[in-house]
Each structure stands twice: as C-alpha cells, then as structure tokens.
Amino acid sequence: MLNKPIVALMMAAAVLLSACEKDSETYPVSGEQCGPEDPVKTLDAADCDILPAGI
C-alpha cells in the first residue's frame, strides 16, 4: 500500500487541479464577463513567447 504522505499529496493535487477552469466565461481577476468578440478568446500559449535577451 502507498505511504500516507504520498496519498495525501495525490489527493491535494487532485483538489487543486479540479479547481482549475479552462472554459470560464469571466476574467479571473476582475470577474467581468467575457464578451463574444473579446480578443483574448483567440490567444494561444504560443502567442506569449518571450524572446531571450540579446536577440
């Protein structure tokens, strides 16, 4: 059987991950509702690349 600390860690991770919403209809900080024409709905993680200094 798994050790109790490992089980507790796995349960805590499951609770934290279940709190993440990907399809939220409000902005996380302000709580304002997203509109159908909001430009952030088309953003992807690749749009946020940060170039290293010196390039």
Protein backbone atom coordinates (compact mmCIF):
# COMPACT_ATOMS: atom_id res chain seq x y z
CA MET A 1 0.00 0.00 0.00
CA LEU A 2 1.13 3.55 -0.64
CA ASN A 3 2.53 5.67 2.12
CA LYS A 4 0.12 8.11 3.75
CA PRO A 5 2.13 11.22 2.74
CA ILE A 6 2.07 10.16 -0.90
CA VAL A 7 -1.68 9.55 -0.79
CA ALA A 8 -2.23 12.90 0.90
CA LEU A 9 -0.08 14.64 -1.74
CA MET A 10 -2.01 12.97 -4.55
CA MET A 11 -5.33 13.97 -3.02
CA ALA A 12 -4.18 17.58 -2.56
CA ALA A 13 -3.01 17.70 -6.19
CA ALA A 14 -6.38 16.35 -7.35
CA VAL A 15 -8.25 19.01 -5.37
CA LEU A 16 -6.04 21.81 -6.69
CA LEU A 17 -6.28 20.63 -10.29
CA SER A 18 -10.04 20.24 -10.10
CA ALA A 19 -10.28 23.92 -9.11
CA CYS A 20 -8.76 24.97 -12.46
CA GLU A 21 -11.36 26.01 -15.01
CA LYS A 22 -10.36 26.21 -18.63
CA ASP A 23 -13.72 27.28 -20.05
CA SER A 24 -14.51 30.12 -17.69
CA GLU A 25 -16.80 32.83 -19.02
CA THR A 26 -15.38 35.52 -16.72
CA TYR A 27 -11.97 37.11 -16.36
CA PRO A 28 -10.16 35.61 -13.36
CA VAL A 29 -9.03 38.87 -11.73
CA SER A 30 -11.86 41.32 -12.38
CA GLY A 31 -14.72 38.82 -12.57
CA GLU A 32 -16.18 40.66 -15.59
CA GLN A 33 -17.97 38.50 -18.12
CA CYS A 34 -16.17 37.76 -21.38
CA GLY A 35 -17.87 39.06 -24.50
CA PRO A 36 -18.21 37.13 -27.76
CA GLU A 37 -15.76 39.49 -29.51
CA ASP A 38 -13.04 39.57 -26.83
CA PRO A 39 -9.63 39.19 -28.46
CA VAL A 40 -8.33 37.04 -25.61
CA LYS A 41 -10.52 34.13 -26.73
CA THR A 42 -8.26 33.61 -29.75
CA LEU A 43 -4.97 33.71 -27.81
CA ASP A 44 -2.84 30.62 -27.51
CA ALA A 45 0.18 29.87 -25.34
CA ALA A 46 2.38 30.21 -28.45
CA ASP A 47 1.29 33.87 -28.72
CA CYS A 48 3.02 34.62 -25.42
CA ASP A 49 6.57 33.57 -26.32
CA ILE A 50 9.21 35.70 -24.65
CA LEU A 51 12.42 36.06 -26.62
CA PRO A 52 15.69 35.73 -24.74
CA ALA A 53 17.66 38.91 -24.13
CA GLY A 54 20.16 39.78 -26.83
CA ILE A 55 18.18 38.60 -29.84
